[in-house]
Amino acid sequence: MTISPDTDAVVALCALLRQASAAAAYEAMERGGHMSPTLSALVAGVLCTGPAYTVRAPAGYGDEIVRAADEAPPGSVIVIDVGPAPDACTWGGTGTAVAQRRGVSGVVSNGRVRDLAEIRRARFPVFARGAVATGWSGGRRGETGVPVSVGGRVVQAGDVLCADDDGIVVIPRAGAAPFLERLRARLDFEREAARIVDEGGRYADVMARKPA
């Protein structure tokens, strides 16, 4: 199978993002691409990166979310949109166990999750509005692989996410190659900044080296 340049760029970008942070991704996106801070890390100290596996699910129904846990490719981030239902349950402990075993990188949801203690024990990256005790029903299908609106951003299947304690940043798949170069420049700057500080330099010395 021939791998397209687009796919090559996404693979390289995901590898580099594992050495980065959401803040670095935001800066490399020319201070853009960030989701609303109403969605936050529910497991502290974890980094989540990978291509989006998008899910649009009717609020209160888990058919497509179950499918995502079973079918999302290893390395992907499941991105769940339940529309204007911020208190709907969208994830839980069983999905975490299945998805983590299969190598899924994490979950980003514009709803809530339950079994938070289990998720935290597993150290599985989950980003959402918070916790909830309610569950869901079956019997109403949604869609996967479609554009979704989460955290004020439209996410296409295959777009790349970078999320940590500071927030969530979306990099459009089509812009992966130019973003890759900007991210390399940003990480070079961060390493240079650390060197300057370690050698006793001033904050102003660091900012003087910052890329335009």
C-alpha atoms as a PDB file:
ATOM      1  CA  MET A   1       0.000   0.000   0.000  1.00  0.00           C
ATOM      2  CA  THR A   2       1.293   3.477  -0.891  1.00  0.00           C
ATOM      3  CA  ILE A   3       1.374   5.949   2.007  1.00  0.00           C
ATOM      4  CA  SER A   4       0.451   9.498   1.011  1.00  0.00           C
ATOM      5  CA  PRO A   5       2.607  12.485   2.006  1.00  0.00           C
ATOM      6  CA  ASP A   6      -0.334  13.582   4.144  1.00  0.00           C
ATOM      7  CA  THR A   7      -0.195  10.328   6.103  1.00  0.00           C
ATOM      8  CA  ASP A   8       3.591  10.551   6.428  1.00  0.00           C
ATOM      9  CA  ALA A   9       3.232  14.047   7.916  1.00  0.00           C
ATOM     10  CA  VAL A  10       0.585  12.906  10.411  1.00  0.00           C
ATOM     11  CA  VAL A  11       2.738   9.982  11.568  1.00  0.00           C
ATOM     12  CA  ALA A  12       5.764  12.266  12.016  1.00  0.00           C
ATOM     13  CA  LEU A  13       3.654  14.884  13.760  1.00  0.00           C
ATOM     14  CA  CYS A  14       2.189  12.415  16.261  1.00  0.00           C
ATOM     15  CA  ALA A  15       5.701  11.205  17.099  1.00  0.00           C
ATOM     16  CA  LEU A  16       6.932  14.761  17.678  1.00  0.00           C
ATOM     17  CA  LEU A  17       3.878  15.733  19.737  1.00  0.00           C
ATOM     18  CA  ARG A  18       4.727  12.956  22.184  1.00  0.00           C
ATOM     19  CA  GLN A  19       7.776  15.104  23.085  1.00  0.00           C
ATOM     20  CA  ALA A  20       5.723  18.309  23.260  1.00  0.00           C
ATOM     21  CA  SER A  21       2.751  19.791  25.119  1.00  0.00           C
ATOM     22  CA  ALA A  22      -0.598  21.407  24.405  1.00  0.00           C
ATOM     23  CA  ALA A  23       0.979  24.816  25.045  1.00  0.00           C
ATOM     24  CA  ALA A  24       3.731  24.133  22.501  1.00  0.00           C
ATOM     25  CA  ALA A  25       1.112  22.964  19.998  1.00  0.00           C
ATOM     26  CA  TYR A  26      -0.921  26.142  20.595  1.00  0.00           C
ATOM     27  CA  GLU A  27       2.132  28.318  19.959  1.00  0.00           C
ATOM     28  CA  ALA A  28       3.044  26.333  16.835  1.00  0.00           C
ATOM     29  CA  MET A  29      -0.545  26.731  15.618  1.00  0.00           C
ATOM     30  CA  GLU A  30       0.220  30.459  15.666  1.00  0.00           C
ATOM     31  CA  ARG A  31      -1.763  30.782  18.883  1.00  0.00           C
ATOM     32  CA  GLY A  32      -4.825  28.941  17.693  1.00  0.00           C
ATOM     33  CA  GLY A  33      -6.545  25.577  17.522  1.00  0.00           C
ATOM     34  CA  HIS A  34      -7.389  25.373  21.222  1.00  0.00           C
ATOM     35  CA  MET A  35     -10.666  24.001  22.552  1.00  0.00           C
ATOM     36  CA  SER A  36     -12.711  25.742  25.232  1.00  0.00           C
ATOM     37  CA  PRO A  37     -11.352  25.339  28.786  1.00  0.00           C
ATOM     38  CA  THR A  38     -14.795  24.043  29.776  1.00  0.00           C
ATOM     39  CA  LEU A  39     -13.238  20.704  28.762  1.00  0.00           C
ATOM     40  CA  SER A  40     -10.333  19.744  30.972  1.00  0.00           C
ATOM     41  CA  ALA A  41      -8.074  16.865  31.954  1.00  0.00           C
ATOM     42  CA  LEU A  42      -9.812  14.463  34.338  1.00  0.00           C
ATOM     43  CA  VAL A  43      -6.585  12.491  34.820  1.00  0.00           C
ATOM     44  CA  ALA A  44      -3.723  14.732  35.861  1.00  0.00           C
ATOM     45  CA  GLY A  45      -0.231  14.512  34.450  1.00  0.00           C
ATOM     46  CA  VAL A  46      -0.945  12.615  31.229  1.00  0.00           C
ATOM     47  CA  LEU A  47      -0.288  13.641  27.626  1.00  0.00           C
ATOM     48  CA  CYS A  48      -2.734  12.557  24.912  1.00  0.00           C
ATOM     49  CA  THR A  49      -1.872  12.793  21.221  1.00  0.00           C
ATOM     50  CA  GLY A  50      -3.118  11.123  18.066  1.00  0.00           C
ATOM     51  CA  PRO A  51      -5.477  11.322  15.081  1.00  0.00           C
ATOM     52  CA  ALA A  52      -9.147  11.859  15.872  1.00  0.00           C
ATOM     53  CA  TYR A  53     -11.626   9.007  15.661  1.00  0.00           C
ATOM     54  CA  THR A  54     -14.815  11.040  15.665  1.00  0.00           C
ATOM     55  CA  VAL A  55     -18.135   9.990  17.173  1.00  0.00           C
ATOM     56  CA  ARG A  56     -21.486  11.781  17.017  1.00  0.00           C
ATOM     57  CA  ALA A  57     -23.838  10.172  19.519  1.00  0.00           C
ATOM     58  CA  PRO A  58     -27.395  11.022  20.566  1.00  0.00           C
ATOM     59  CA  ALA A  59     -27.322  12.230  24.164  1.00  0.00           C
ATOM     60  CA  GLY A  60     -28.092   9.375  26.536  1.00  0.00           C
ATOM     61  CA  TYR A  61     -27.357   6.609  24.017  1.00  0.00           C
ATOM     62  CA  GLY A  62     -24.087   4.716  23.908  1.00  0.00           C
ATOM     63  CA  ASP A  63     -24.239   2.522  20.783  1.00  0.00           C
ATOM     64  CA  GLU A  64     -21.596   4.454  18.819  1.00  0.00           C
ATOM     65  CA  ILE A  65     -19.426   5.004  21.883  1.00  0.00           C
ATOM     66  CA  VAL A  66     -19.293   1.252  22.476  1.00  0.00           C
ATOM     67  CA  ARG A  67     -18.414   0.806  18.805  1.00  0.00           C
ATOM     68  CA  ALA A  68     -15.630   3.379  19.146  1.00  0.00           C
ATOM     69  CA  ALA A  69     -14.091   1.581  22.125  1.00  0.00           C
ATOM     70  CA  ASP A  70     -14.086  -1.646  20.111  1.00  0.00           C
ATOM     71  CA  GLU A  71     -13.002  -0.264  16.722  1.00  0.00           C
ATOM     72  CA  ALA A  72     -10.975   2.952  17.074  1.00  0.00           C
ATOM     73  CA  PRO A  73      -7.454   2.312  15.709  1.00  0.00           C
ATOM     74  CA  PRO A  74      -4.516   2.022  18.110  1.00  0.00           C
ATOM     75  CA  GLY A  75      -2.945   5.427  18.653  1.00  0.00           C
ATOM     76  CA  SER A  76      -6.152   7.325  17.885  1.00  0.00           C
ATOM     77  CA  VAL A  77      -8.046   9.739  20.145  1.00  0.00           C
ATOM     78  CA  ILE A  78     -11.781   9.114  20.431  1.00  0.00           C
ATOM     79  CA  VAL A  79     -13.575  12.468  20.103  1.00  0.00           C
ATOM     80  CA  ILE A  80     -17.216  12.338  21.245  1.00  0.00           C
ATOM     81  CA  ASP A  81     -19.888  14.895  20.399  1.00  0.00           C
ATOM     82  CA  VAL A  82     -23.269  14.638  22.125  1.00  0.00           C
ATOM     83  CA  GLY A  83     -24.483  18.021  20.934  1.00  0.00           C
ATOM     84  CA  PRO A  84     -26.067  20.497  23.362  1.00  0.00           C
ATOM     85  CA  ALA A  85     -26.225  18.010  26.245  1.00  0.00           C
ATOM     86  CA  PRO A  86     -23.282  18.926  28.502  1.00  0.00           C
ATOM     87  CA  ASP A  87     -24.364  16.648  31.356  1.00  0.00           C
ATOM     88  CA  ALA A  88     -24.794  13.479  29.268  1.00  0.00           C
ATOM     89  CA  CYS A  89     -22.624  10.489  30.208  1.00  0.00           C
ATOM     90  CA  THR A  90     -20.244   9.688  27.356  1.00  0.00           C
ATOM     91  CA  TRP A  91     -17.576   7.392  28.776  1.00  0.00           C
ATOM     92  CA  GLY A  92     -16.822   5.053  31.677  1.00  0.00           C
ATOM     93  CA  GLY A  93     -14.647   2.383  33.218  1.00  0.00           C
ATOM     94  CA  THR A  94     -15.491  -0.497  30.882  1.00  0.00           C
ATOM     95  CA  GLY A  95     -14.805   1.577  27.773  1.00  0.00           C
ATOM     96  CA  THR A  96     -11.530   2.656  29.329  1.00  0.00           C
ATOM     97  CA  ALA A  97     -10.431  -0.932  29.970  1.00  0.00           C
ATOM     98  CA  VAL A  98     -11.252  -1.999  26.407  1.00  0.00           C
ATOM     99  CA  ALA A  99      -9.819   1.069  24.671  1.00  0.00           C
ATOM    100  CA  GLN A 100      -6.637   1.098  26.746  1.00  0.00           C
ATOM    101  CA  ARG A 101      -6.014  -2.593  26.068  1.00  0.00           C
ATOM    102  CA  ARG A 102      -6.412  -1.902  22.345  1.00  0.00           C
ATOM    103  CA  GLY A 103      -3.895   0.952  22.392  1.00  0.00           C
ATOM    104  CA  VAL A 104      -6.257   3.918  22.030  1.00  0.00           C
ATOM    105  CA  SER A 105      -4.500   7.114  23.150  1.00  0.00           C
ATOM    106  CA  GLY A 106      -7.382   8.757  24.992  1.00  0.00           C
ATOM    107  CA  VAL A 107     -10.834  10.341  24.878  1.00  0.00           C
ATOM    108  CA  VAL A 108     -12.040  13.907  24.398  1.00  0.00           C
ATOM    109  CA  SER A 109     -15.750  14.530  25.010  1.00  0.00           C
ATOM    110  CA  ASN A 110     -18.075  17.501  25.243  1.00  0.00           C
ATOM    111  CA  GLY A 111     -20.147  15.558  27.790  1.00  0.00           C
ATOM    112  CA  ARG A 112     -19.268  13.936  31.103  1.00  0.00           C
ATOM    113  CA  VAL A 113     -17.861  10.598  32.255  1.00  0.00           C
ATOM    114  CA  ARG A 114     -18.454   8.195  35.101  1.00  0.00           C
ATOM    115  CA  ASP A 115     -16.307   5.597  36.914  1.00  0.00           C
ATOM    116  CA  LEU A 116     -13.747   8.358  37.288  1.00  0.00           C
ATOM    117  CA  ALA A 117     -11.844   6.522  40.030  1.00  0.00           C
ATOM    118  CA  GLU A 118     -11.339   3.556  37.663  1.00  0.00           C
ATOM    119  CA  ILE A 119     -10.223   5.837  34.856  1.00  0.00           C
ATOM    120  CA  ARG A 120      -7.723   7.564  37.143  1.00  0.00           C
ATOM    121  CA  ARG A 121      -6.337   4.275  38.428  1.00  0.00           C
ATOM    122  CA  ALA A 122      -5.795   3.226  34.805  1.00  0.00           C
ATOM    123  CA  ARG A 123      -4.049   6.575  34.055  1.00  0.00           C
ATOM    124  CA  PHE A 124      -6.073   6.715  30.834  1.00  0.00           C
ATOM    125  CA  PRO A 125      -6.218  10.219  29.326  1.00  0.00           C
ATOM    126  CA  VAL A 126      -9.779  11.554  29.402  1.00  0.00           C
ATOM    127  CA  PHE A 127     -10.793  15.167  28.763  1.00  0.00           C
ATOM    128  CA  ALA A 128     -14.393  16.200  29.394  1.00  0.00           C
ATOM    129  CA  ARG A 129     -16.668  18.535  31.356  1.00  0.00           C
ATOM    130  CA  GLY A 130     -16.434  16.477  34.547  1.00  0.00           C
ATOM    131  CA  ALA A 131     -17.968  13.459  36.229  1.00  0.00           C
ATOM    132  CA  VAL A 132     -21.544  12.220  36.420  1.00  0.00           C
ATOM    133  CA  ALA A 133     -23.261   9.212  38.022  1.00  0.00           C
ATOM    134  CA  THR A 134     -25.793   8.594  35.253  1.00  0.00           C
ATOM    135  CA  GLY A 135     -25.318   6.123  32.400  1.00  0.00           C
ATOM    136  CA  TRP A 136     -26.806   5.611  28.959  1.00  0.00           C
ATOM    137  CA  SER A 137     -29.216   3.395  27.036  1.00  0.00           C
ATOM    138  CA  GLY A 138     -28.933   1.495  23.764  1.00  0.00           C
ATOM    139  CA  GLY A 139     -31.111   1.545  20.687  1.00  0.00           C
ATOM    140  CA  ARG A 140     -30.305   4.806  18.909  1.00  0.00           C
ATOM    141  CA  ARG A 141     -27.390   4.830  16.525  1.00  0.00           C
ATOM    142  CA  GLY A 142     -25.150   7.775  15.873  1.00  0.00           C
ATOM    143  CA  GLU A 143     -22.273   8.189  13.409  1.00  0.00           C
ATOM    144  CA  THR A 144     -18.524   7.727  13.351  1.00  0.00           C
ATOM    145  CA  GLY A 145     -15.931   9.257  11.041  1.00  0.00           C
ATOM    146  CA  VAL A 146     -17.973  12.439  10.609  1.00  0.00           C
ATOM    147  CA  PRO A 147     -17.148  16.064  11.468  1.00  0.00           C
ATOM    148  CA  VAL A 148     -17.984  16.862  15.089  1.00  0.00           C
ATOM    149  CA  SER A 149     -18.142  20.074  17.106  1.00  0.00           C
ATOM    150  CA  VAL A 150     -16.383  19.746  20.455  1.00  0.00           C
ATOM    151  CA  GLY A 151     -15.085  22.482  22.718  1.00  0.00           C
ATOM    152  CA  GLY A 152     -15.842  25.181  20.178  1.00  0.00           C
ATOM    153  CA  ARG A 153     -13.819  23.448  17.437  1.00  0.00           C
ATOM    154  CA  VAL A 154     -14.933  21.450  14.419  1.00  0.00           C
ATOM    155  CA  VAL A 155     -12.887  18.248  14.401  1.00  0.00           C
ATOM    156  CA  GLN A 156     -12.615  16.159  11.250  1.00  0.00           C
ATOM    157  CA  ALA A 157     -11.761  12.471  11.366  1.00  0.00           C
ATOM    158  CA  GLY A 158      -7.982  12.237  11.159  1.00  0.00           C
ATOM    159  CA  ASP A 159      -7.244  15.698  12.549  1.00  0.00           C
ATOM    160  CA  VAL A 160      -4.486  15.513  15.167  1.00  0.00           C
ATOM    161  CA  LEU A 161      -5.051  16.333  18.834  1.00  0.00           C
ATOM    162  CA  CYS A 162      -2.604  17.236  21.573  1.00  0.00           C
ATOM    163  CA  ALA A 163      -4.024  17.464  25.094  1.00  0.00           C
ATOM    164  CA  ASP A 164      -2.648  17.696  28.620  1.00  0.00           C
ATOM    165  CA  ASP A 165      -3.342  19.492  31.911  1.00  0.00           C
ATOM    166  CA  ASP A 166      -3.277  22.876  30.130  1.00  0.00           C
ATOM    167  CA  GLY A 167      -5.911  22.091  27.515  1.00  0.00           C
ATOM    168  CA  ILE A 168      -6.666  20.570  24.122  1.00  0.00           C
ATOM    169  CA  VAL A 169      -5.346  21.709  20.737  1.00  0.00           C
ATOM    170  CA  VAL A 170      -6.560  20.511  17.322  1.00  0.00           C
ATOM    171  CA  ILE A 171      -4.256  20.465  14.288  1.00  0.00           C
ATOM    172  CA  PRO A 172      -6.086  20.000  10.962  1.00  0.00           C
ATOM    173  CA  ARG A 173      -4.806  16.955   9.109  1.00  0.00           C
ATOM    174  CA  ALA A 174      -4.422  18.987   5.928  1.00  0.00           C
ATOM    175  CA  GLY A 175      -2.017  21.341   7.715  1.00  0.00           C
ATOM    176  CA  ALA A 176       0.128  18.660   9.352  1.00  0.00           C
ATOM    177  CA  ALA A 177       3.238  19.222   7.212  1.00  0.00           C
ATOM    178  CA  PRO A 178       3.655  22.997   7.743  1.00  0.00           C
ATOM    179  CA  PHE A 179       2.656  22.640  11.383  1.00  0.00           C
ATOM    180  CA  LEU A 180       5.362  20.015  11.846  1.00  0.00           C
ATOM    181  CA  GLU A 181       8.045  22.535  10.905  1.00  0.00           C
ATOM    182  CA  ARG A 182       6.614  25.190  13.213  1.00  0.00           C
ATOM    183  CA  LEU A 183       6.453  22.711  16.077  1.00  0.00           C
ATOM    184  CA  ARG A 184      10.100  21.741  15.563  1.00  0.00           C
ATOM    185  CA  ALA A 185      11.016  25.449  15.749  1.00  0.00           C
ATOM    186  CA  ARG A 186       8.960  25.862  18.922  1.00  0.00           C
ATOM    187  CA  LEU A 187      10.598  22.892  20.641  1.00  0.00           C
ATOM    188  CA  ASP A 188      14.036  24.186  19.620  1.00  0.00           C
ATOM    189  CA  PHE A 189      13.130  27.503  21.253  1.00  0.00           C
ATOM    190  CA  GLU A 190      11.955  25.764  24.439  1.00  0.00           C
ATOM    191  CA  ARG A 191      15.237  23.856  24.688  1.00  0.00           C
ATOM    192  CA  GLU A 192      17.188  27.079  24.136  1.00  0.00           C
ATOM    193  CA  ALA A 193      15.081  28.841  26.768  1.00  0.00           C
ATOM    194  CA  ALA A 194      15.854  26.114  29.285  1.00  0.00           C
ATOM    195  CA  ARG A 195      19.571  26.438  28.526  1.00  0.00           C
ATOM    196  CA  ILE A 196      19.512  30.211  29.021  1.00  0.00           C
ATOM    197  CA  VAL A 197      17.713  29.916  32.358  1.00  0.00           C
ATOM    198  CA  ASP A 198      20.007  27.118  33.559  1.00  0.00           C
ATOM    199  CA  GLU A 199      22.974  29.360  32.824  1.00  0.00           C
ATOM    200  CA  GLY A 200      21.540  32.196  34.897  1.00  0.00           C
ATOM    201  CA  GLY A 201      19.949  34.206  32.088  1.00  0.00           C
ATOM    202  CA  ARG A 202      17.064  36.621  32.475  1.00  0.00           C
ATOM    203  CA  TYR A 203      13.478  36.173  31.274  1.00  0.00           C
ATOM    204  CA  ALA A 204      14.114  39.013  28.816  1.00  0.00           C
ATOM    205  CA  ASP A 205      17.041  37.026  27.383  1.00  0.00           C
ATOM    206  CA  VAL A 206      14.698  34.127  26.741  1.00  0.00           C
ATOM    207  CA  MET A 207      12.044  36.284  25.069  1.00  0.00           C
ATOM    208  CA  ALA A 208      14.665  37.851  22.815  1.00  0.00           C
ATOM    209  CA  ARG A 209      15.219  34.402  21.265  1.00  0.00           C
ATOM    210  CA  LYS A 210      11.532  33.650  20.735  1.00  0.00           C
ATOM    211  CA  PRO A 211      10.586  33.079  17.075  1.00  0.00           C
ATOM    212  CA  ALA A 212       8.435  35.799  15.528  1.00  0.00           C
END
